[in-house]
PDB file of N, CA and C in Angstrom:
ATOM      1  N   MET A   1      74.533  87.128 105.232  1.00  0.00           N
ATOM      2  CA  MET A   1      75.866  87.890 105.446  1.00  0.00           C
ATOM      3  C   MET A   1      75.867  89.021 104.544  1.00  0.00           C
ATOM      4  N   ILE A   2      75.159  88.921 103.882  1.00  0.00           N
ATOM      5  CA  ILE A   2      74.802  90.468 102.875  1.00  0.00           C
ATOM      6  C   ILE A   2      73.834  91.230 103.479  1.00  0.00           C
ATOM      7  N   ALA A   3      73.000  90.580 103.938  1.00  0.00           N
ATOM      8  CA  ALA A   3      71.460  91.164 104.947  1.00  0.00           C
ATOM      9  C   ALA A   3      72.278  91.743 106.031  1.00  0.00           C
ATOM     10  N   ALA A   4      73.333  91.192 106.921  1.00  0.00           N
ATOM     11  CA  ALA A   4      73.972  91.644 107.920  1.00  0.00           C
ATOM     12  C   ALA A   4      74.813  92.949 107.602  1.00  0.00           C
ATOM     13  N   ARG A   5      75.726  92.835 106.563  1.00  0.00           N
ATOM     14  CA  ARG A   5      76.051  93.984 106.272  1.00  0.00           C
ATOM     15  C   ARG A   5      75.482  95.204 105.738  1.00  0.00           C
ATOM     16  N   GLY A   6      74.423  95.125 104.945  1.00  0.00           N
ATOM     17  CA  GLY A   6      73.013  96.221 104.802  1.00  0.00           C
ATOM     18  C   GLY A   6      72.919  96.761 105.932  1.00  0.00           C
ATOM     19  N   ARG A   7      72.334  95.961 107.190  1.00  0.00           N
ATOM     20  CA  ARG A   7      71.878  96.318 108.110  1.00  0.00           C
ATOM     21  C   ARG A   7      72.877  97.226 109.132  1.00  0.00           C
ATOM     22  N   TYR A   8      74.365  96.699 108.788  1.00  0.00           N
ATOM     23  CA  TYR A   8      75.344  97.363 109.523  1.00  0.00           C
ATOM     24  C   TYR A   8      75.588  98.870 108.685  1.00  0.00           C
ATOM     25  N   GLU A   9      75.638  98.760 107.467  1.00  0.00           N
ATOM     26  CA  GLU A   9      75.669 100.048 106.703  1.00  0.00           C
ATOM     27  C   GLU A   9      74.611 101.097 106.923  1.00  0.00           C
ATOM     28  N   GLY A  10      73.503 100.224 107.177  1.00  0.00           N
ATOM     29  CA  GLY A  10      72.168 101.631 107.250  1.00  0.00           C
ATOM     30  C   GLY A  10      72.469 101.862 108.640  1.00  0.00           C
ATOM     31  N   SER A  11      72.416 100.968 109.446  1.00  0.00           N
ATOM     32  CA  SER A  11      72.854 101.837 110.983  1.00  0.00           C
ATOM     33  C   SER A  11      73.946 102.788 111.271  1.00  0.00           C
ATOM     34  N   ILE A  12      75.046 102.880 110.565  1.00  0.00           N
ATOM     35  CA  ILE A  12      75.942 103.621 110.327  1.00  0.00           C
ATOM     36  C   ILE A  12      75.673 105.137 109.626  1.00  0.00           C
ATOM     37  N   GLU A  13      74.884 104.850 108.599  1.00  0.00           N
ATOM     38  CA  GLU A  13      74.202 106.079 108.105  1.00  0.00           C
ATOM     39  C   GLU A  13      73.283 107.056 108.992  1.00  0.00           C
ATOM     40  N   SER A  14      72.654 105.953 109.795  1.00  0.00           N
ATOM     41  CA  SER A  14      71.667 106.734 110.909  1.00  0.00           C
ATOM     42  C   SER A  14      72.217 107.447 111.629  1.00  0.00           C
ATOM     43  N   ILE A  15      73.907 107.790 111.977  1.00  0.00           N
ATOM     44  CA  ILE A  15      74.536 108.280 112.785  1.00  0.00           C
ATOM     45  C   ILE A  15      74.244 110.099 112.272  1.00  0.00           C
ATOM     46  N   ALA A  16      74.761 110.291 111.209  1.00  0.00           N
ATOM     47  CA  ALA A  16      74.591 111.419 110.558  1.00  0.00           C
ATOM     48  C   ALA A  16      73.024 112.027 109.872  1.00  0.00           C
ATOM     49  N   PRO A  17      72.602 113.020 110.064  1.00  0.00           N
ATOM     50  CA  PRO A  17      71.170 113.537 109.711  1.00  0.00           C
ATOM     51  C   PRO A  17      71.159 113.460 107.965  1.00  0.00           C
ATOM     52  N   THR A  18      69.998 112.995 107.779  1.00  0.00           N
ATOM     53  CA  THR A  18      69.847 113.304 106.098  1.00  0.00           C
ATOM     54  C   THR A  18      69.099 114.432 105.657  1.00  0.00           C
ATOM     55  N   ILE A  19      69.993 114.985 104.481  1.00  0.00           N
ATOM     56  CA  ILE A  19      69.470 116.638 103.991  1.00  0.00           C
ATOM     57  C   ILE A  19      69.029 115.840 102.486  1.00  0.00           C
ATOM     58  N   SER A  20      68.016 116.025 102.143  1.00  0.00           N
ATOM     59  CA  SER A  20      67.473 116.357 100.927  1.00  0.00           C
ATOM     60  C   SER A  20      66.877 117.379 100.385  1.00  0.00           C
ATOM     61  N   PRO A  21      67.263 117.471  98.981  1.00  0.00           N
ATOM     62  CA  PRO A  21      66.942 119.039  98.382  1.00  0.00           C
ATOM     63  C   PRO A  21      65.894 118.392  97.638  1.00  0.00           C
ATOM     64  N   ILE A  22      64.721 119.449  97.468  1.00  0.00           N
ATOM     65  CA  ILE A  22      63.570 118.989  96.710  1.00  0.00           C
ATOM     66  C   ILE A  22      63.189 120.209  95.821  1.00  0.00           C
ATOM     67  N   PHE A  23      63.246 120.520  94.797  1.00  0.00           N
ATOM     68  CA  PHE A  23      62.399 121.493  93.585  1.00  0.00           C
ATOM     69  C   PHE A  23      61.270 121.247  93.063  1.00  0.00           C
ATOM     70  N   GLY A  24      60.255 121.464  92.936  1.00  0.00           N
ATOM     71  CA  GLY A  24      58.827 122.016  92.424  1.00  0.00           C
ATOM     72  C   GLY A  24      58.954 122.764  91.355  1.00  0.00           C
ATOM     73  N   ILE A  25      58.577 122.302  90.213  1.00  0.00           N
ATOM     74  CA  ILE A  25      58.340 123.467  89.127  1.00  0.00           C
ATOM     75  C   ILE A  25      57.006 122.952  88.319  1.00  0.00           C
ATOM     76  N   ASN A  26      56.319 124.241  88.104  1.00  0.00           N
ATOM     77  CA  ASN A  26      55.061 124.232  88.015  1.00  0.00           C
ATOM     78  C   ASN A  26      54.849 125.569  86.880  1.00  0.00           C
ATOM     79  N   ASN A  27      54.477 124.929  85.596  1.00  0.00           N
ATOM     80  CA  ASN A  27      54.865 125.859  84.439  1.00  0.00           C
ATOM     81  C   ASN A  27      53.039 125.873  84.015  1.00  0.00           C
ATOM     82  N   LEU A  28      52.517 127.339  83.735  1.00  0.00           N
ATOM     83  CA  LEU A  28      51.432 127.448  83.025  1.00  0.00           C
ATOM     84  C   LEU A  28      50.910 128.200  82.153  1.00  0.00           C
ATOM     85  N   GLU A  29      50.627 127.988  80.785  1.00  0.00           N
ATOM     86  CA  GLU A  29      50.550 128.091  79.633  1.00  0.00           C
ATOM     87  C   GLU A  29      49.179 128.563  79.053  1.00  0.00           C
ATOM     88  N   GLY A  30      48.403 129.479  78.901  1.00  0.00           N
ATOM     89  CA  GLY A  30      46.788 129.395  78.746  1.00  0.00           C
ATOM     90  C   GLY A  30      46.147 130.156  79.273  1.00  0.00           C
ATOM     91  N   VAL A  31      44.982 129.937  80.043  1.00  0.00           N
ATOM     92  CA  VAL A  31      44.022 130.983  80.499  1.00  0.00           C
ATOM     93  C   VAL A  31      44.078 130.137  81.965  1.00  0.00           C
ATOM     94  N   ASN A  32      43.951 131.259  82.881  1.00  0.00           N
ATOM     95  CA  ASN A  32      43.757 130.742  84.306  1.00  0.00           C
ATOM     96  C   ASN A  32      42.422 131.796  84.584  1.00  0.00           C
ATOM     97  N   THR A  33      41.922 131.390  85.724  1.00  0.00           N
ATOM     98  CA  THR A  33      40.820 131.944  86.507  1.00  0.00           C
ATOM     99  C   THR A  33      41.447 132.859  87.619  1.00  0.00           C
ATOM    100  N   ALA A  34      40.702 134.450  87.347  1.00  0.00           N
ATOM    101  CA  ALA A  34      41.158 135.526  88.054  1.00  0.00           C
ATOM    102  C   ALA A  34      40.698 135.389  89.390  1.00  0.00           C
ATOM    103  N   VAL A  35      40.935 136.608  90.292  1.00  0.00           N
ATOM    104  CA  VAL A  35      40.573 136.800  91.440  1.00  0.00           C
ATOM    105  C   VAL A  35      38.503 137.239  91.461  1.00  0.00           C
ATOM    106  N   THR A  36      38.511 137.620  90.277  1.00  0.00           N
ATOM    107  CA  THR A  36      36.980 138.139  89.924  1.00  0.00           C
ATOM    108  C   THR A  36      36.344 137.079  89.359  1.00  0.00           C
ATOM    109  N   GLY A  37      36.214 136.219  88.770  1.00  0.00           N
ATOM    110  CA  GLY A  37      36.226 135.109  88.218  1.00  0.00           C
ATOM    111  C   GLY A  37      36.370 134.866  86.630  1.00  0.00           C
ATOM    112  N   GLN A  38      37.033 135.987  86.510  1.00  0.00           N
ATOM    113  CA  GLN A  38      37.060 135.637  84.668  1.00  0.00           C
ATOM    114  C   GLN A  38      38.107 135.049  84.444  1.00  0.00           C
ATOM    115  N   LEU A  39      37.800 134.684  82.982  1.00  0.00           N
ATOM    116  CA  LEU A  39      39.066 134.042  82.269  1.00  0.00           C
ATOM    117  C   LEU A  39      40.071 134.823  81.965  1.00  0.00           C
ATOM    118  N   MET A  40      41.287 134.691  82.126  1.00  0.00           N
ATOM    119  CA  MET A  40      42.310 135.616  81.667  1.00  0.00           C
ATOM    120  C   MET A  40      43.820 134.640  81.129  1.00  0.00           C
ATOM    121  N   PRO A  41      44.367 135.746  80.323  1.00  0.00           N
ATOM    122  CA  PRO A  41      45.845 134.639  79.452  1.00  0.00           C
ATOM    123  C   PRO A  41      46.670 134.647  80.548  1.00  0.00           C
ATOM    124  N   ALA A  42      47.161 133.652  80.762  1.00  0.00           N
ATOM    125  CA  ALA A  42      48.361 133.513  81.789  1.00  0.00           C
ATOM    126  C   ALA A  42      49.722 132.801  81.188  1.00  0.00           C
ATOM    127  N   ASN A  43      50.446 133.390  81.739  1.00  0.00           N
ATOM    128  CA  ASN A  43      51.995 132.461  81.024  1.00  0.00           C
ATOM    129  C   ASN A  43      52.912 132.722  82.221  1.00  0.00           C
ATOM    130  N   PHE A  44      52.721 131.755  83.101  1.00  0.00           N
ATOM    131  CA  PHE A  44      54.006 131.913  84.310  1.00  0.00           C
ATOM    132  C   PHE A  44      54.624 130.444  84.794  1.00  0.00           C
ATOM    133  N   THR A  45      55.725 130.373  85.347  1.00  0.00           N
ATOM    134  CA  THR A  45      56.394 129.606  86.044  1.00  0.00           C
ATOM    135  C   THR A  45      56.599 129.891  87.169  1.00  0.00           C
ATOM    136  N   THR A  46      56.394 128.822  88.276  1.00  0.00           N
ATOM    137  CA  THR A  46      56.557 128.950  89.597  1.00  0.00           C
ATOM    138  C   THR A  46      57.701 127.820  90.013  1.00  0.00           C
ATOM    139  N   LEU A  47      58.798 128.073  90.756  1.00  0.00           N
ATOM    140  CA  LEU A  47      59.719 127.065  91.345  1.00  0.00           C
ATOM    141  C   LEU A  47      59.497 127.021  92.777  1.00  0.00           C
ATOM    142  N   SER A  48      59.634 125.988  93.380  1.00  0.00           N
ATOM    143  CA  SER A  48      59.122 125.737  94.721  1.00  0.00           C
ATOM    144  C   SER A  48      60.245 124.831  95.539  1.00  0.00           C
ATOM    145  N   PRO A  49      61.349 125.684  96.098  1.00  0.00           N
ATOM    146  CA  PRO A  49      62.082 125.093  96.598  1.00  0.00           C
ATOM    147  C   PRO A  49      62.201 124.471  98.226  1.00  0.00           C
ATOM    148  N   ALA A  50      62.884 123.544  98.293  1.00  0.00           N
ATOM    149  CA  ALA A  50      62.320 122.870  99.763  1.00  0.00           C
ATOM    150  C   ALA A  50      63.626 121.742 100.176  1.00  0.00           C
ATOM    151  N   VAL A  51      63.600 121.901 101.390  1.00  0.00           N
ATOM    152  CA  VAL A  51      64.948 120.992 101.995  1.00  0.00           C
ATOM    153  C   VAL A  51      64.342 120.152 103.064  1.00  0.00           C
ATOM    154  N   LEU A  52      64.433 119.026 103.075  1.00  0.00           N
ATOM    155  CA  LEU A  52      63.988 117.767 104.361  1.00  0.00           C
ATOM    156  C   LEU A  52      65.099 117.411 104.968  1.00  0.00           C
ATOM    157  N   VAL A  53      65.167 117.452 106.221  1.00  0.00           N
ATOM    158  CA  VAL A  53      66.093 117.259 107.222  1.00  0.00           C
ATOM    159  C   VAL A  53      65.228 115.706 107.906  1.00  0.00           C
ATOM    160  N   GLN A  54      65.992 114.800 108.029  1.00  0.00           N
ATOM    161  CA  GLN A  54      66.129 113.837 109.088  1.00  0.00           C
ATOM    162  C   GLN A  54      67.098 113.825 110.019  1.00  0.00           C
ATOM    163  N   PHE A  55      66.504 113.800 111.021  1.00  0.00           N
ATOM    164  CA  PHE A  55      67.584 113.551 112.009  1.00  0.00           C
ATOM    165  C   PHE A  55      66.811 112.476 113.282  1.00  0.00           C
ATOM    166  N   LEU A  56      67.639 111.547 113.874  1.00  0.00           N
ATOM    167  CA  LEU A  56      67.250 110.806 114.845  1.00  0.00           C
ATOM    168  C   LEU A  56      67.614 111.292 115.944  1.00  0.00           C
ATOM    169  N   LEU A  57      66.382 111.706 116.991  1.00  0.00           N
ATOM    170  CA  LEU A  57      66.463 112.046 118.312  1.00  0.00           C
ATOM    171  C   LEU A  57      66.992 111.112 119.309  1.00  0.00           C
ATOM    172  N   ASN A  58      66.906 109.976 118.773  1.00  0.00           N
ATOM    173  CA  ASN A  58      67.300 109.063 119.874  1.00  0.00           C
ATOM    174  C   ASN A  58      69.238 108.359 119.843  1.00  0.00           C
ATOM    175  N   PRO A  59      69.780 109.135 120.325  1.00  0.00           N
ATOM    176  CA  PRO A  59      71.459 108.515 120.303  1.00  0.00           C
ATOM    177  C   PRO A  59      71.593 107.427 120.624  1.00  0.00           C
ATOM    178  N   GLY A  60      70.998 106.960 122.160  1.00  0.00           N
ATOM    179  CA  GLY A  60      70.903 105.490 122.580  1.00  0.00           C
ATOM    180  C   GLY A  60      70.684 104.413 121.641  1.00  0.00           C
ATOM    181  N   GLN A  61      69.493 104.606 120.987  1.00  0.00           N
ATOM    182  CA  GLN A  61      68.875 103.850 120.106  1.00  0.00           C
ATOM    183  C   GLN A  61      69.973 103.617 118.715  1.00  0.00           C
ATOM    184  N   VAL A  62      70.380 104.771 118.412  1.00  0.00           N
ATOM    185  CA  VAL A  62      71.339 104.762 117.544  1.00  0.00           C
ATOM    186  C   VAL A  62      72.650 103.904 117.340  1.00  0.00           C
ATOM    187  N   ILE A  63      73.094 104.213 118.828  1.00  0.00           N
ATOM    188  CA  ILE A  63      74.247 103.313 119.250  1.00  0.00           C
ATOM    189  C   ILE A  63      74.048 102.087 119.518  1.00  0.00           C
ATOM    190  N   PHE A  64      73.129 101.789 119.761  1.00  0.00           N
ATOM    191  CA  PHE A  64      72.561 100.097 120.089  1.00  0.00           C
ATOM    192  C   PHE A  64      72.355  99.307 118.580  1.00  0.00           C
ATOM    193  N   ASP A  65      72.104 100.251 117.765  1.00  0.00           N
ATOM    194  CA  ASP A  65      71.594  99.742 116.792  1.00  0.00           C
ATOM    195  C   ASP A  65      73.021  99.405 115.726  1.00  0.00           C
ATOM    196  N   VAL A  66      73.920 100.439 116.013  1.00  0.00           N
ATOM    197  CA  VAL A  66      75.320 100.071 115.630  1.00  0.00           C
ATOM    198  C   VAL A  66      76.089  98.919 116.246  1.00  0.00           C
ATOM    199  N   ILE A  67      76.341  98.903 117.359  1.00  0.00           N
ATOM    200  CA  ILE A  67      76.855  97.607 118.156  1.00  0.00           C
ATOM    201  C   ILE A  67      75.967  96.521 117.698  1.00  0.00           C
ATOM    202  N   ALA A  68      74.862  96.427 117.758  1.00  0.00           N
ATOM    203  CA  ALA A  68      73.951  95.182 117.372  1.00  0.00           C
ATOM    204  C   ALA A  68      74.406  94.637 115.691  1.00  0.00           C
ATOM    205  N   ALA A  69      74.184  95.440 114.889  1.00  0.00           N
ATOM    206  CA  ALA A  69      74.199  95.195 113.474  1.00  0.00           C
ATOM    207  C   ALA A  69      75.828  94.708 113.466  1.00  0.00           C
ATOM    208  N   LYS A  70      76.939  95.501 114.014  1.00  0.00           N
ATOM    209  CA  LYS A  70      78.432  95.025 114.078  1.00  0.00           C
ATOM    210  C   LYS A  70      78.364  93.394 114.719  1.00  0.00           C
ATOM    211  N   LYS A  71      77.738  93.443 115.666  1.00  0.00           N
ATOM    212  CA  LYS A  71      77.786  92.131 116.491  1.00  0.00           C
ATOM    213  C   LYS A  71      77.340  90.991 115.358  1.00  0.00           C
ATOM    214  N   ARG A  72      76.052  91.445 114.839  1.00  0.00           N
ATOM    215  CA  ARG A  72      75.485  90.454 113.803  1.00  0.00           C
ATOM    216  C   ARG A  72      76.219  89.976 112.341  1.00  0.00           C
ATOM    217  N   LEU A  73      77.013  91.082 111.798  1.00  0.00           N
ATOM    218  CA  LEU A  73      78.089  91.086 111.171  1.00  0.00           C
ATOM    219  C   LEU A  73      79.325  90.045 111.508  1.00  0.00           C
ATOM    220  N   LEU A  74      79.590  90.113 112.274  1.00  0.00           N
ATOM    221  CA  LEU A  74      80.745  89.189 113.153  1.00  0.00           C
ATOM    222  C   LEU A  74      80.731  87.959 113.488  1.00  0.00           C
ATOM    223  N   ALA A  75      79.439  87.688 113.559  1.00  0.00           N
ATOM    224  CA  ALA A  75      78.571  86.387 114.355  1.00  0.00           C
ATOM    225  C   ALA A  75      79.019  85.357 113.303  1.00  0.00           C
ATOM    226  N   PRO A  76      78.811  85.303 112.272  1.00  0.00           N
ATOM    227  CA  PRO A  76      78.944  83.942 111.308  1.00  0.00           C
ATOM    228  C   PRO A  76      80.740  83.876 111.091  1.00  0.00           C
ATOM    229  N   SER A  77      81.667  84.771 111.158  1.00  0.00           N
ATOM    230  CA  SER A  77      83.044  84.678 110.782  1.00  0.00           C
ATOM    231  C   SER A  77      83.493  84.290 112.306  1.00  0.00           C
ATOM    232  N   SER A  78      83.002  84.387 113.470  1.00  0.00           N
ATOM    233  CA  SER A  78      83.553  84.179 114.701  1.00  0.00           C
ATOM    234  C   SER A  78      83.970  82.706 115.239  1.00  0.00           C
ATOM    235  N   LYS A  79      84.725  82.080 115.823  1.00  0.00           N
ATOM    236  CA  LYS A  79      85.467  80.809 115.823  1.00  0.00           C
ATOM    237  C   LYS A  79      84.194  80.106 116.686  1.00  0.00           C
ATOM    238  N   SER A  80      83.448  80.885 117.833  1.00  0.00           N
ATOM    239  CA  SER A  80      82.467  80.026 118.205  1.00  0.00           C
ATOM    240  C   SER A  80      81.373  80.082 117.740  1.00  0.00           C
ATOM    241  N   SER A  81      80.572  79.009 116.929  1.00  0.00           N
ATOM    242  CA  SER A  81      79.515  78.701 116.335  1.00  0.00           C
ATOM    243  C   SER A  81      78.401  78.154 117.277  1.00  0.00           C
ATOM    244  N   LEU A  82      78.573  78.229 118.759  1.00  0.00           N
ATOM    245  CA  LEU A  82      77.600  77.876 119.510  1.00  0.00           C
ATOM    246  C   LEU A  82      76.777  79.162 119.860  1.00  0.00           C
ATOM    247  N   TRP A  83      76.912  80.521 119.460  1.00  0.00           N
ATOM    248  CA  TRP A  83      76.206  81.620 119.742  1.00  0.00           C
ATOM    249  C   TRP A  83      75.247  81.946 118.296  1.00  0.00           C
ATOM    250  N   SER A  84      73.976  82.404 118.629  1.00  0.00           N
ATOM    251  CA  SER A  84      73.345  83.034 117.646  1.00  0.00           C
ATOM    252  C   SER A  84      72.964  84.287 118.385  1.00  0.00           C
ATOM    253  N   TRP A  85      72.904  85.337 117.447  1.00  0.00           N
ATOM    254  CA  TRP A  85      72.097  86.396 118.036  1.00  0.00           C
ATOM    255  C   TRP A  85      70.923  86.568 117.520  1.00  0.00           C
ATOM    256  N   THR A  86      69.937  86.895 118.620  1.00  0.00           N
ATOM    257  CA  THR A  86      68.469  87.294 118.269  1.00  0.00           C
ATOM    258  C   THR A  86      67.861  88.472 119.220  1.00  0.00           C
ATOM    259  N   HIS A  87      66.681  89.049 119.043  1.00  0.00           N
ATOM    260  CA  HIS A  87      66.130  90.006 119.564  1.00  0.00           C
ATOM    261  C   HIS A  87      65.515  89.417 120.556  1.00  0.00           C
ATOM    262  N   CYS A  88      65.564  90.206 121.655  1.00  0.00           N
ATOM    263  CA  CYS A  88      64.677  89.969 122.818  1.00  0.00           C
ATOM    264  C   CYS A  88      63.886  90.964 123.273  1.00  0.00           C
ATOM    265  N   GLY A  89      62.795  91.065 122.789  1.00  0.00           N
ATOM    266  CA  GLY A  89      62.003  92.359 122.929  1.00  0.00           C
ATOM    267  C   GLY A  89      62.705  93.558 122.285  1.00  0.00           C
ATOM    268  N   SER A  90      63.346  94.448 122.711  1.00  0.00           N
ATOM    269  CA  SER A  90      63.929  95.816 122.217  1.00  0.00           C
ATOM    270  C   SER A  90      65.387  95.562 122.524  1.00  0.00           C
ATOM    271  N   ARG A  91      66.010  94.178 122.923  1.00  0.00           N
ATOM    272  CA  ARG A  91      67.491  94.300 122.934  1.00  0.00           C
ATOM    273  C   ARG A  91      67.756  93.025 122.189  1.00  0.00           C
ATOM    274  N   LEU A  92      69.038  92.950 122.079  1.00  0.00           N
ATOM    275  CA  LEU A  92      69.991  91.876 121.473  1.00  0.00           C
ATOM    276  C   LEU A  92      70.040  90.934 122.677  1.00  0.00           C
ATOM    277  N   CYS A  93      69.864  89.635 122.009  1.00  0.00           N
ATOM    278  CA  CYS A  93      70.301  88.448 123.226  1.00  0.00           C
ATOM    279  C   CYS A  93      71.112  87.465 122.700  1.00  0.00           C
ATOM    280  N   ASN A  94      71.848  86.754 123.254  1.00  0.00           N
ATOM    281  CA  ASN A  94      72.507  85.565 122.633  1.00  0.00           C
ATOM    282  C   ASN A  94      71.968  84.489 123.319  1.00  0.00           C
ATOM    283  N   ILE A  95      71.755  83.593 122.424  1.00  0.00           N
ATOM    284  CA  ILE A  95      70.945  82.390 123.084  1.00  0.00           C
ATOM    285  C   ILE A  95      72.189  81.159 122.292  1.00  0.00           C
ATOM    286  N   THR A  96      72.353  80.126 123.213  1.00  0.00           N
ATOM    287  CA  THR A  96      73.149  79.006 122.556  1.00  0.00           C
ATOM    288  C   THR A  96      72.009  78.071 122.088  1.00  0.00           C
ATOM    289  N   THR A  97      72.973  77.415 120.898  1.00  0.00           N
ATOM    290  CA  THR A  97      72.188  76.487 120.235  1.00  0.00           C
ATOM    291  C   THR A  97      72.846  75.117 120.495  1.00  0.00           C
TER     292      THR A  97
END
């Protein structure tokens, strides 16, 4: 039941794009090699900002995953215990037990 709830919440979260900001900081104090090959004293800090955007480009698969996860979540609580849900290739099938 807990795994089914996690799968359902994960499929709901895949509807919206994921945006992750990333910041990289590099600090150099001491000596650095110049373009001419000489060692020169250096003291600088660089900040490298970036943004990662992830968006699933298959809306049909997202809708299917949400519906399948909801059915898996509700299956143990339904009154008919004769049905079990399983994957048949890339789709969800109901099999009597």
